[in-house]
Amino acid sequence: MVLSAEVLALVAAATWACSSLLSATAVARMGPFSFSRWRMVFACLLLWGMALVTGSWRSLQLDGVGVLALSGFIGIFVGDTALFACMNRLGPRRSGILFATHALFSVVLAWLFLGETLSPWALVGSALLIAGVMTAIAFGRRETESHQWEATKGRLVVGIGLGLLSALGQSVAALMLKPLMETGLDPVAASAVRMSSSLAAHLLLLLTGWRLVQATRSPRWGDLGYTFASAAIGMALGMTLILKALQHGSVGMVEMLSSVTPVLLLPVLWWVYRRRPAVGGWVGAVLTVAGCALILLRH
């Protein structure tokens, strides 16, 4: 069975929701840069292993490798590291709402540079979806709830800036990849190149000796286990699904549907907190489902 681009984007969003939960504790212990490096090492091993076993590496063309490498630098090295730095400061709930703005960035950029447009019904669905995501995250927590992931570490404005930077990096990278993926490039091989360029940038930054990028603590086996799981689910699987979706779907639509990650994260956080989401969480979830339904039925 061949899954549509819309379904692939939604499944990718689900993998990112699971990955976000798996990442939170390890990021807090190891620091965002150390966590990102380990995560990319595991992702590279998985992706290149699959590319070599399946022979998909043969789909790579020399003229496209440079674009893949640059998109990996922007979307993963800059975007992903900024996201986890934001999560370390603001927690998964608030970093989620900031990262969800990548859908809006993508729609605007795809319209400006690729000439993509959405049908009237898809526009209505997109508006409902974004409103639902923002509502669920902004109002999905009860006033009496308290958790270490909800604490603000450092200056709030820095955390907000990091979250918006991560969203913009995701959008720009997707815009760069769309023409390349339409040529039939294998998503696993493409993900492997992107991950490798990002890891190389991380290692070069580490070699500078900059104190900020050093590990805050030595990783425990448990931290590495969670990091591996996060890499396998969120990077090796999730990012490959997004590239596959970009082969057949518009950038704006794929990014819009993949932005539902924070809403999918709500039931998981419910399990962690042992409390139901607030009324705002339910309202946001209903709006998101309605928006997705309109997009899937009318797009």
C-alpha atoms as a PDB file:
ATOM      1  CA  MET A   1       0.000   0.000   0.000  1.00  0.00           C
ATOM      2  CA  VAL A   2       1.367   3.424  -1.009  1.00  0.00           C
ATOM      3  CA  LEU A   3       0.682   6.120   1.569  1.00  0.00           C
ATOM      4  CA  SER A   4      -0.225   9.625   0.427  1.00  0.00           C
ATOM      5  CA  ALA A   5       1.990  12.622   1.175  1.00  0.00           C
ATOM      6  CA  GLU A   6      -0.577  13.875   3.686  1.00  0.00           C
ATOM      7  CA  VAL A   7      -0.617  10.618   5.625  1.00  0.00           C
ATOM      8  CA  LEU A   8       3.187  10.429   5.587  1.00  0.00           C
ATOM      9  CA  ALA A   9       3.377  13.943   7.050  1.00  0.00           C
ATOM     10  CA  LEU A  10       0.957  13.031   9.851  1.00  0.00           C
ATOM     11  CA  VAL A  11       2.894   9.857  10.679  1.00  0.00           C
ATOM     12  CA  ALA A  12       6.109  11.905  10.766  1.00  0.00           C
ATOM     13  CA  ALA A  13       4.427  14.282  13.230  1.00  0.00           C
ATOM     14  CA  ALA A  14       3.605  11.299  15.446  1.00  0.00           C
ATOM     15  CA  THR A  15       7.229  10.127  15.397  1.00  0.00           C
ATOM     16  CA  TRP A  16       8.389  13.611  16.409  1.00  0.00           C
ATOM     17  CA  ALA A  17       5.925  13.647  19.299  1.00  0.00           C
ATOM     18  CA  CYS A  18       7.352  10.372  20.620  1.00  0.00           C
ATOM     19  CA  SER A  19      10.897  11.592  19.998  1.00  0.00           C
ATOM     20  CA  SER A  20      10.246  14.828  21.898  1.00  0.00           C
ATOM     21  CA  LEU A  21       9.201  12.954  25.018  1.00  0.00           C
ATOM     22  CA  LEU A  22      12.154  10.580  24.787  1.00  0.00           C
ATOM     23  CA  SER A  23      14.530  13.513  24.381  1.00  0.00           C
ATOM     24  CA  ALA A  24      13.516  15.816  27.226  1.00  0.00           C
ATOM     25  CA  THR A  25      15.350  14.168  30.121  1.00  0.00           C
ATOM     26  CA  ALA A  26      18.494  13.368  28.109  1.00  0.00           C
ATOM     27  CA  VAL A  27      18.693  16.952  26.789  1.00  0.00           C
ATOM     28  CA  ALA A  28      18.434  18.334  30.326  1.00  0.00           C
ATOM     29  CA  ARG A  29      21.235  16.075  31.583  1.00  0.00           C
ATOM     30  CA  MET A  30      23.638  16.148  28.621  1.00  0.00           C
ATOM     31  CA  GLY A  31      23.010  19.641  27.268  1.00  0.00           C
ATOM     32  CA  PRO A  32      21.539  20.382  23.823  1.00  0.00           C
ATOM     33  CA  PHE A  33      24.792  20.249  21.851  1.00  0.00           C
ATOM     34  CA  SER A  34      26.064  17.004  23.359  1.00  0.00           C
ATOM     35  CA  PHE A  35      22.636  15.431  22.985  1.00  0.00           C
ATOM     36  CA  SER A  36      22.402  16.518  19.341  1.00  0.00           C
ATOM     37  CA  ARG A  37      25.839  15.092  18.540  1.00  0.00           C
ATOM     38  CA  TRP A  38      25.054  11.684  20.023  1.00  0.00           C
ATOM     39  CA  ARG A  39      21.642  11.686  18.378  1.00  0.00           C
ATOM     40  CA  MET A  40      23.170  12.398  14.962  1.00  0.00           C
ATOM     41  CA  VAL A  41      25.833   9.726  15.385  1.00  0.00           C
ATOM     42  CA  PHE A  42      23.121   7.139  16.008  1.00  0.00           C
ATOM     43  CA  ALA A  43      20.984   8.474  13.155  1.00  0.00           C
ATOM     44  CA  CYS A  44      23.911   8.400  10.701  1.00  0.00           C
ATOM     45  CA  LEU A  45      24.732   4.810  11.604  1.00  0.00           C
ATOM     46  CA  LEU A  46      21.112   3.766  11.086  1.00  0.00           C
ATOM     47  CA  LEU A  47      20.569   5.685   7.843  1.00  0.00           C
ATOM     48  CA  TRP A  48      23.841   4.754   6.133  1.00  0.00           C
ATOM     49  CA  GLY A  49      23.346   1.162   7.226  1.00  0.00           C
ATOM     50  CA  MET A  50      19.934   1.100   5.531  1.00  0.00           C
ATOM     51  CA  ALA A  51      21.243   2.923   2.455  1.00  0.00           C
ATOM     52  CA  LEU A  52      24.083   0.432   2.030  1.00  0.00           C
ATOM     53  CA  VAL A  53      21.944  -2.657   2.623  1.00  0.00           C
ATOM     54  CA  THR A  54      19.199  -1.567   0.228  1.00  0.00           C
ATOM     55  CA  GLY A  55      21.542  -0.002  -2.333  1.00  0.00           C
ATOM     56  CA  SER A  56      19.608   3.274  -2.209  1.00  0.00           C
ATOM     57  CA  TRP A  57      22.886   5.218  -2.021  1.00  0.00           C
ATOM     58  CA  ARG A  58      23.148   4.726  -5.795  1.00  0.00           C
ATOM     59  CA  SER A  59      20.350   7.266  -6.288  1.00  0.00           C
ATOM     60  CA  LEU A  60      22.641  10.052  -5.066  1.00  0.00           C
ATOM     61  CA  GLN A  61      23.932  12.452  -7.714  1.00  0.00           C
ATOM     62  CA  LEU A  62      26.983  14.634  -7.214  1.00  0.00           C
ATOM     63  CA  ASP A  63      25.188  17.860  -8.106  1.00  0.00           C
ATOM     64  CA  GLY A  64      22.464  17.149  -5.547  1.00  0.00           C
ATOM     65  CA  VAL A  65      24.739  16.201  -2.650  1.00  0.00           C
ATOM     66  CA  GLY A  66      25.703  19.838  -2.075  1.00  0.00           C
ATOM     67  CA  VAL A  67      22.051  20.897  -1.770  1.00  0.00           C
ATOM     68  CA  LEU A  68      21.365  18.007   0.603  1.00  0.00           C
ATOM     69  CA  ALA A  69      24.374  18.917   2.726  1.00  0.00           C
ATOM     70  CA  LEU A  70      23.365  22.582   2.928  1.00  0.00           C
ATOM     71  CA  SER A  71      19.766  21.697   3.803  1.00  0.00           C
ATOM     72  CA  GLY A  72      21.069  19.394   6.528  1.00  0.00           C
ATOM     73  CA  PHE A  73      23.205  22.192   7.934  1.00  0.00           C
ATOM     74  CA  ILE A  74      20.272  24.639   7.992  1.00  0.00           C
ATOM     75  CA  GLY A  75      17.466  22.291   8.975  1.00  0.00           C
ATOM     76  CA  ILE A  76      19.260  19.919  11.344  1.00  0.00           C
ATOM     77  CA  PHE A  77      22.442  21.562  12.621  1.00  0.00           C
ATOM     78  CA  VAL A  78      20.873  24.991  13.049  1.00  0.00           C
ATOM     79  CA  GLY A  79      17.173  24.090  13.331  1.00  0.00           C
ATOM     80  CA  ASP A  80      17.316  20.921  15.383  1.00  0.00           C
ATOM     81  CA  THR A  81      19.982  22.154  17.780  1.00  0.00           C
ATOM     82  CA  ALA A  82      18.051  25.403  18.307  1.00  0.00           C
ATOM     83  CA  LEU A  83      14.899  23.375  19.017  1.00  0.00           C
ATOM     84  CA  PHE A  84      16.556  21.299  21.735  1.00  0.00           C
ATOM     85  CA  ALA A  85      18.242  24.366  23.188  1.00  0.00           C
ATOM     86  CA  CYS A  86      14.768  25.930  23.336  1.00  0.00           C
ATOM     87  CA  MET A  87      13.357  22.765  24.919  1.00  0.00           C
ATOM     88  CA  ASN A  88      16.099  22.856  27.518  1.00  0.00           C
ATOM     89  CA  ARG A  89      15.068  26.420  28.437  1.00  0.00           C
ATOM     90  CA  LEU A  90      11.283  26.321  28.043  1.00  0.00           C
ATOM     91  CA  GLY A  91      10.294  22.625  28.114  1.00  0.00           C
ATOM     92  CA  PRO A  92       8.560  20.547  25.422  1.00  0.00           C
ATOM     93  CA  ARG A  93       5.181  22.309  25.712  1.00  0.00           C
ATOM     94  CA  ARG A  94       6.300  25.841  24.950  1.00  0.00           C
ATOM     95  CA  SER A  95       9.061  24.812  22.549  1.00  0.00           C
ATOM     96  CA  GLY A  96       6.389  22.852  20.685  1.00  0.00           C
ATOM     97  CA  ILE A  97       4.207  25.889  20.059  1.00  0.00           C
ATOM     98  CA  LEU A  98       7.178  27.900  18.812  1.00  0.00           C
ATOM     99  CA  PHE A  99       8.331  25.134  16.483  1.00  0.00           C
ATOM    100  CA  ALA A 100       4.779  24.772  15.124  1.00  0.00           C
ATOM    101  CA  THR A 101       5.208  28.152  13.436  1.00  0.00           C
ATOM    102  CA  HIS A 102       7.294  26.366  10.790  1.00  0.00           C
ATOM    103  CA  ALA A 103       3.992  25.585   9.060  1.00  0.00           C
ATOM    104  CA  LEU A 104       3.264  29.282   8.585  1.00  0.00           C
ATOM    105  CA  PHE A 105       6.810  30.007   7.463  1.00  0.00           C
ATOM    106  CA  SER A 106       6.617  27.159   4.946  1.00  0.00           C
ATOM    107  CA  VAL A 107       3.309  28.236   3.408  1.00  0.00           C
ATOM    108  CA  VAL A 108       4.585  31.785   2.881  1.00  0.00           C
ATOM    109  CA  LEU A 109       8.009  30.741   1.559  1.00  0.00           C
ATOM    110  CA  ALA A 110       6.538  28.101  -0.768  1.00  0.00           C
ATOM    111  CA  TRP A 111       4.125  30.699  -2.159  1.00  0.00           C
ATOM    112  CA  LEU A 112       6.919  33.246  -2.678  1.00  0.00           C
ATOM    113  CA  PHE A 113       9.582  30.965  -4.176  1.00  0.00           C
ATOM    114  CA  LEU A 114       7.775  27.902  -5.577  1.00  0.00           C
ATOM    115  CA  GLY A 115       4.460  29.452  -6.556  1.00  0.00           C
ATOM    116  CA  GLU A 116       2.497  26.977  -4.419  1.00  0.00           C
ATOM    117  CA  THR A 117      -1.085  27.841  -3.537  1.00  0.00           C
ATOM    118  CA  LEU A 118      -3.740  26.161  -1.399  1.00  0.00           C
ATOM    119  CA  SER A 119      -7.358  25.582  -2.331  1.00  0.00           C
ATOM    120  CA  PRO A 120      -9.966  27.610  -0.396  1.00  0.00           C
ATOM    121  CA  TRP A 121     -10.988  24.567   1.665  1.00  0.00           C
ATOM    122  CA  ALA A 122      -7.348  23.709   2.352  1.00  0.00           C
ATOM    123  CA  LEU A 123      -6.776  27.289   3.517  1.00  0.00           C
ATOM    124  CA  VAL A 124      -9.712  27.008   5.930  1.00  0.00           C
ATOM    125  CA  GLY A 125      -8.418  23.653   7.154  1.00  0.00           C
ATOM    126  CA  SER A 126      -4.923  25.055   7.569  1.00  0.00           C
ATOM    127  CA  ALA A 127      -6.243  27.981   9.613  1.00  0.00           C
ATOM    128  CA  LEU A 128      -8.173  25.584  11.864  1.00  0.00           C
ATOM    129  CA  LEU A 129      -5.148  23.326  12.204  1.00  0.00           C
ATOM    130  CA  ILE A 130      -2.787  26.118  13.220  1.00  0.00           C
ATOM    131  CA  ALA A 131      -5.368  27.599  15.577  1.00  0.00           C
ATOM    132  CA  GLY A 132      -5.854  24.167  17.130  1.00  0.00           C
ATOM    133  CA  VAL A 133      -2.147  23.556  17.635  1.00  0.00           C
ATOM    134  CA  MET A 134      -1.607  26.973  19.185  1.00  0.00           C
ATOM    135  CA  THR A 135      -4.681  26.641  21.429  1.00  0.00           C
ATOM    136  CA  ALA A 136      -3.773  23.138  22.610  1.00  0.00           C
ATOM    137  CA  ILE A 137      -0.259  24.129  23.576  1.00  0.00           C
ATOM    138  CA  ALA A 138      -0.963  27.597  24.922  1.00  0.00           C
ATOM    139  CA  PHE A 139      -4.014  26.593  26.989  1.00  0.00           C
ATOM    140  CA  GLY A 140      -3.557  22.851  27.374  1.00  0.00           C
ATOM    141  CA  ARG A 141      -2.043  22.955  30.851  1.00  0.00           C
ATOM    142  CA  ARG A 142      -3.915  23.486  34.088  1.00  0.00           C
ATOM    143  CA  GLU A 143      -2.907  26.401  36.301  1.00  0.00           C
ATOM    144  CA  THR A 144      -2.181  24.062  39.204  1.00  0.00           C
ATOM    145  CA  GLU A 145       0.136  21.802  37.238  1.00  0.00           C
ATOM    146  CA  SER A 146       3.816  21.909  38.018  1.00  0.00           C
ATOM    147  CA  HIS A 147       6.593  19.908  36.406  1.00  0.00           C
ATOM    148  CA  GLN A 148      10.340  20.353  35.944  1.00  0.00           C
ATOM    149  CA  TRP A 149       9.834  20.492  32.149  1.00  0.00           C
ATOM    150  CA  GLU A 150       7.619  23.581  32.578  1.00  0.00           C
ATOM    151  CA  ALA A 151      10.271  25.650  34.344  1.00  0.00           C
ATOM    152  CA  THR A 152      11.953  28.529  32.480  1.00  0.00           C
ATOM    153  CA  LYS A 153      15.746  28.354  32.530  1.00  0.00           C
ATOM    154  CA  GLY A 154      17.541  31.555  31.595  1.00  0.00           C
ATOM    155  CA  ARG A 155      15.986  34.477  29.753  1.00  0.00           C
ATOM    156  CA  LEU A 156      12.559  33.860  28.208  1.00  0.00           C
ATOM    157  CA  VAL A 157      13.313  35.981  25.133  1.00  0.00           C
ATOM    158  CA  VAL A 158      16.331  33.792  24.310  1.00  0.00           C
ATOM    159  CA  GLY A 159      14.185  30.664  24.474  1.00  0.00           C
ATOM    160  CA  ILE A 160      11.588  32.247  22.180  1.00  0.00           C
ATOM    161  CA  GLY A 161      14.274  33.276  19.709  1.00  0.00           C
ATOM    162  CA  LEU A 162      15.703  29.755  19.651  1.00  0.00           C
ATOM    163  CA  GLY A 163      12.246  28.273  19.035  1.00  0.00           C
ATOM    164  CA  LEU A 164      11.528  30.595  16.113  1.00  0.00           C
ATOM    165  CA  LEU A 165      14.995  29.967  14.674  1.00  0.00           C
ATOM    166  CA  SER A 166      14.360  26.218  14.736  1.00  0.00           C
ATOM    167  CA  ALA A 167      11.046  26.717  12.909  1.00  0.00           C
ATOM    168  CA  LEU A 168      12.604  28.920  10.226  1.00  0.00           C
ATOM    169  CA  GLY A 169      15.441  26.429   9.710  1.00  0.00           C
ATOM    170  CA  GLN A 170      12.936  23.607   9.190  1.00  0.00           C
ATOM    171  CA  SER A 171      10.991  25.664   6.626  1.00  0.00           C
ATOM    172  CA  VAL A 172      14.007  26.820   4.612  1.00  0.00           C
ATOM    173  CA  ALA A 173      15.420  23.286   4.502  1.00  0.00           C
ATOM    174  CA  ALA A 174      12.113  21.872   3.228  1.00  0.00           C
ATOM    175  CA  LEU A 175      11.956  24.552   0.548  1.00  0.00           C
ATOM    176  CA  MET A 176      15.443  23.609  -0.658  1.00  0.00           C
ATOM    177  CA  LEU A 177      14.630  19.897  -0.732  1.00  0.00           C
ATOM    178  CA  LYS A 178      11.351  19.995  -2.668  1.00  0.00           C
ATOM    179  CA  PRO A 179      12.802  20.312  -6.241  1.00  0.00           C
ATOM    180  CA  LEU A 180      15.468  17.735  -5.474  1.00  0.00           C
ATOM    181  CA  MET A 181      13.080  15.144  -4.055  1.00  0.00           C
ATOM    182  CA  GLU A 182      10.837  15.440  -7.128  1.00  0.00           C
ATOM    183  CA  THR A 183      13.667  13.908  -9.196  1.00  0.00           C
ATOM    184  CA  GLY A 184      13.082  10.544  -7.477  1.00  0.00           C
ATOM    185  CA  LEU A 185      15.976  10.701  -5.028  1.00  0.00           C
ATOM    186  CA  ASP A 186      15.721   7.991  -2.365  1.00  0.00           C
ATOM    187  CA  PRO A 187      14.617   9.525   0.973  1.00  0.00           C
ATOM    188  CA  VAL A 188      16.842   7.270   3.114  1.00  0.00           C
ATOM    189  CA  ALA A 189      19.992   8.136   1.154  1.00  0.00           C
ATOM    190  CA  ALA A 190      19.024  11.809   1.161  1.00  0.00           C
ATOM    191  CA  SER A 191      18.490  11.732   4.934  1.00  0.00           C
ATOM    192  CA  ALA A 192      21.875  10.065   5.409  1.00  0.00           C
ATOM    193  CA  VAL A 193      23.685  12.854   3.530  1.00  0.00           C
ATOM    194  CA  ARG A 194      21.800  15.570   5.397  1.00  0.00           C
ATOM    195  CA  MET A 195      22.524  13.960   8.754  1.00  0.00           C
ATOM    196  CA  SER A 196      26.211  13.518   7.926  1.00  0.00           C
ATOM    197  CA  SER A 197      26.701  17.182   6.988  1.00  0.00           C
ATOM    198  CA  SER A 198      25.020  18.275  10.190  1.00  0.00           C
ATOM    199  CA  LEU A 199      27.129  15.916  12.295  1.00  0.00           C
ATOM    200  CA  ALA A 200      30.288  17.195  10.590  1.00  0.00           C
ATOM    201  CA  ALA A 201      29.313  20.770  11.480  1.00  0.00           C
ATOM    202  CA  HIS A 202      28.713  19.735  15.091  1.00  0.00           C
ATOM    203  CA  LEU A 203      32.113  18.034  15.328  1.00  0.00           C
ATOM    204  CA  LEU A 204      33.900  21.045  13.826  1.00  0.00           C
ATOM    205  CA  LEU A 205      32.189  23.277  16.366  1.00  0.00           C
ATOM    206  CA  LEU A 206      33.260  20.908  19.152  1.00  0.00           C
ATOM    207  CA  LEU A 207      36.881  21.118  17.993  1.00  0.00           C
ATOM    208  CA  THR A 208      36.876  24.893  18.567  1.00  0.00           C
ATOM    209  CA  GLY A 209      36.789  24.215  22.290  1.00  0.00           C
ATOM    210  CA  TRP A 210      33.840  26.561  22.804  1.00  0.00           C
ATOM    211  CA  ARG A 211      32.619  25.915  26.319  1.00  0.00           C
ATOM    212  CA  LEU A 212      28.936  26.252  25.435  1.00  0.00           C
ATOM    213  CA  VAL A 213      28.997  23.203  23.134  1.00  0.00           C
ATOM    214  CA  GLN A 214      30.639  20.893  25.643  1.00  0.00           C
ATOM    215  CA  ALA A 215      28.634  18.238  27.462  1.00  0.00           C
ATOM    216  CA  THR A 216      27.222  19.476  30.766  1.00  0.00           C
ATOM    217  CA  ARG A 217      27.486  15.952  32.211  1.00  0.00           C
ATOM    218  CA  SER A 218      28.882  12.647  31.036  1.00  0.00           C
ATOM    219  CA  PRO A 219      26.031  10.625  29.504  1.00  0.00           C
ATOM    220  CA  ARG A 220      24.740   7.620  31.368  1.00  0.00           C
ATOM    221  CA  TRP A 221      23.764   4.415  29.613  1.00  0.00           C
ATOM    222  CA  GLY A 222      20.150   5.350  30.175  1.00  0.00           C
ATOM    223  CA  ASP A 223      20.680   8.738  28.511  1.00  0.00           C
ATOM    224  CA  LEU A 224      22.293   7.061  25.504  1.00  0.00           C
ATOM    225  CA  GLY A 225      19.439   4.581  25.303  1.00  0.00           C
ATOM    226  CA  TYR A 226      16.862   7.366  25.172  1.00  0.00           C
ATOM    227  CA  THR A 227      19.031   9.268  22.683  1.00  0.00           C
ATOM    228  CA  PHE A 228      19.252   6.227  20.404  1.00  0.00           C
ATOM    229  CA  ALA A 229      15.498   5.727  20.546  1.00  0.00           C
ATOM    230  CA  SER A 230      14.952   9.420  19.792  1.00  0.00           C
ATOM    231  CA  ALA A 231      17.344   9.210  16.827  1.00  0.00           C
ATOM    232  CA  ALA A 232      15.708   6.088  15.426  1.00  0.00           C
ATOM    233  CA  ILE A 233      12.150   7.383  15.735  1.00  0.00           C
ATOM    234  CA  GLY A 234      12.483  11.120  15.208  1.00  0.00           C
ATOM    235  CA  MET A 235      15.408  11.334  12.786  1.00  0.00           C
ATOM    236  CA  ALA A 236      15.938   8.084  10.915  1.00  0.00           C
ATOM    237  CA  LEU A 237      12.190   7.452  10.527  1.00  0.00           C
ATOM    238  CA  GLY A 238      10.494  10.836  10.944  1.00  0.00           C
ATOM    239  CA  MET A 239      12.745  12.913   8.712  1.00  0.00           C
ATOM    240  CA  THR A 240      12.838  10.207   6.038  1.00  0.00           C
ATOM    241  CA  LEU A 241       9.020  10.176   6.009  1.00  0.00           C
ATOM    242  CA  ILE A 242       8.998  13.948   5.480  1.00  0.00           C
ATOM    243  CA  LEU A 243      11.355  13.639   2.515  1.00  0.00           C
ATOM    244  CA  LYS A 244       9.149  10.921   1.057  1.00  0.00           C
ATOM    245  CA  ALA A 245       6.111  13.180   1.523  1.00  0.00           C
ATOM    246  CA  LEU A 246       7.895  16.036  -0.265  1.00  0.00           C
ATOM    247  CA  GLN A 247       8.293  13.845  -3.352  1.00  0.00           C
ATOM    248  CA  HIS A 248       4.566  14.010  -4.037  1.00  0.00           C
ATOM    249  CA  GLY A 249       3.092  16.720  -1.785  1.00  0.00           C
ATOM    250  CA  SER A 250       3.454  20.497  -1.674  1.00  0.00           C
ATOM    251  CA  VAL A 251       5.868  22.021   0.826  1.00  0.00           C
ATOM    252  CA  GLY A 252       3.140  24.057   2.510  1.00  0.00           C
ATOM    253  CA  MET A 253       0.796  21.093   2.893  1.00  0.00           C
ATOM    254  CA  VAL A 254       3.458  18.704   4.187  1.00  0.00           C
ATOM    255  CA  GLU A 255       4.785  21.212   6.704  1.00  0.00           C
ATOM    256  CA  MET A 256       1.266  22.181   7.770  1.00  0.00           C
ATOM    257  CA  LEU A 257       0.244  18.607   8.568  1.00  0.00           C
ATOM    258  CA  SER A 258       3.543  17.766  10.227  1.00  0.00           C
ATOM    259  CA  SER A 259       3.010  20.700  12.616  1.00  0.00           C
ATOM    260  CA  VAL A 260       0.394  18.741  14.612  1.00  0.00           C
ATOM    261  CA  THR A 261       3.174  17.233  16.708  1.00  0.00           C
ATOM    262  CA  PRO A 262       2.369  19.336  19.823  1.00  0.00           C
ATOM    263  CA  VAL A 263      -1.263  18.183  19.773  1.00  0.00           C
ATOM    264  CA  LEU A 264      -0.194  14.552  19.458  1.00  0.00           C
ATOM    265  CA  LEU A 265       2.129  15.177  22.399  1.00  0.00           C
ATOM    266  CA  LEU A 266      -0.766  16.149  24.695  1.00  0.00           C
ATOM    267  CA  PRO A 267      -1.976  12.608  25.499  1.00  0.00           C
ATOM    268  CA  VAL A 268       1.621  11.572  26.157  1.00  0.00           C
ATOM    269  CA  LEU A 269       2.104  14.454  28.573  1.00  0.00           C
ATOM    270  CA  TRP A 270      -1.243  13.497  30.127  1.00  0.00           C
ATOM    271  CA  TRP A 271       0.309  10.136  30.927  1.00  0.00           C
ATOM    272  CA  VAL A 272       3.380  11.838  32.432  1.00  0.00           C
ATOM    273  CA  TYR A 273       1.392  14.359  34.506  1.00  0.00           C
ATOM    274  CA  ARG A 274      -1.341  11.831  35.450  1.00  0.00           C
ATOM    275  CA  ARG A 275      -3.935  14.538  34.741  1.00  0.00           C
ATOM    276  CA  ARG A 276      -6.220  15.287  31.860  1.00  0.00           C
ATOM    277  CA  PRO A 277      -5.308  18.278  29.654  1.00  0.00           C
ATOM    278  CA  ALA A 278      -7.195  21.464  30.441  1.00  0.00           C
ATOM    279  CA  VAL A 279     -10.259  22.496  28.432  1.00  0.00           C
ATOM    280  CA  GLY A 280      -8.010  24.455  26.079  1.00  0.00           C
ATOM    281  CA  GLY A 281      -6.196  21.245  25.196  1.00  0.00           C
ATOM    282  CA  TRP A 282      -9.437  19.534  24.200  1.00  0.00           C
ATOM    283  CA  VAL A 283     -10.593  22.576  22.196  1.00  0.00           C
ATOM    284  CA  GLY A 284      -7.256  22.699  20.398  1.00  0.00           C
ATOM    285  CA  ALA A 285      -7.396  19.002  19.627  1.00  0.00           C
ATOM    286  CA  VAL A 286     -10.907  19.310  18.143  1.00  0.00           C
ATOM    287  CA  LEU A 287      -9.856  22.262  15.967  1.00  0.00           C
ATOM    288  CA  THR A 288      -6.766  20.382  14.811  1.00  0.00           C
ATOM    289  CA  VAL A 289      -8.722  17.264  13.870  1.00  0.00           C
ATOM    290  CA  ALA A 290     -11.277  19.376  11.998  1.00  0.00           C
ATOM    291  CA  GLY A 291      -8.507  21.185  10.149  1.00  0.00           C
ATOM    292  CA  CYS A 292      -6.765  17.940   9.200  1.00  0.00           C
ATOM    293  CA  ALA A 293     -10.072  16.487   7.989  1.00  0.00           C
ATOM    294  CA  LEU A 294     -10.713  19.456   5.703  1.00  0.00           C
ATOM    295  CA  ILE A 295      -7.185  19.315   4.315  1.00  0.00           C
ATOM    296  CA  LEU A 296      -7.269  15.589   3.675  1.00  0.00           C
ATOM    297  CA  LEU A 297     -10.773  15.603   2.154  1.00  0.00           C
ATOM    298  CA  ARG A 298     -10.535  18.775   0.091  1.00  0.00           C
ATOM    299  CA  HIS A 299      -6.887  19.079  -0.878  1.00  0.00           C
END
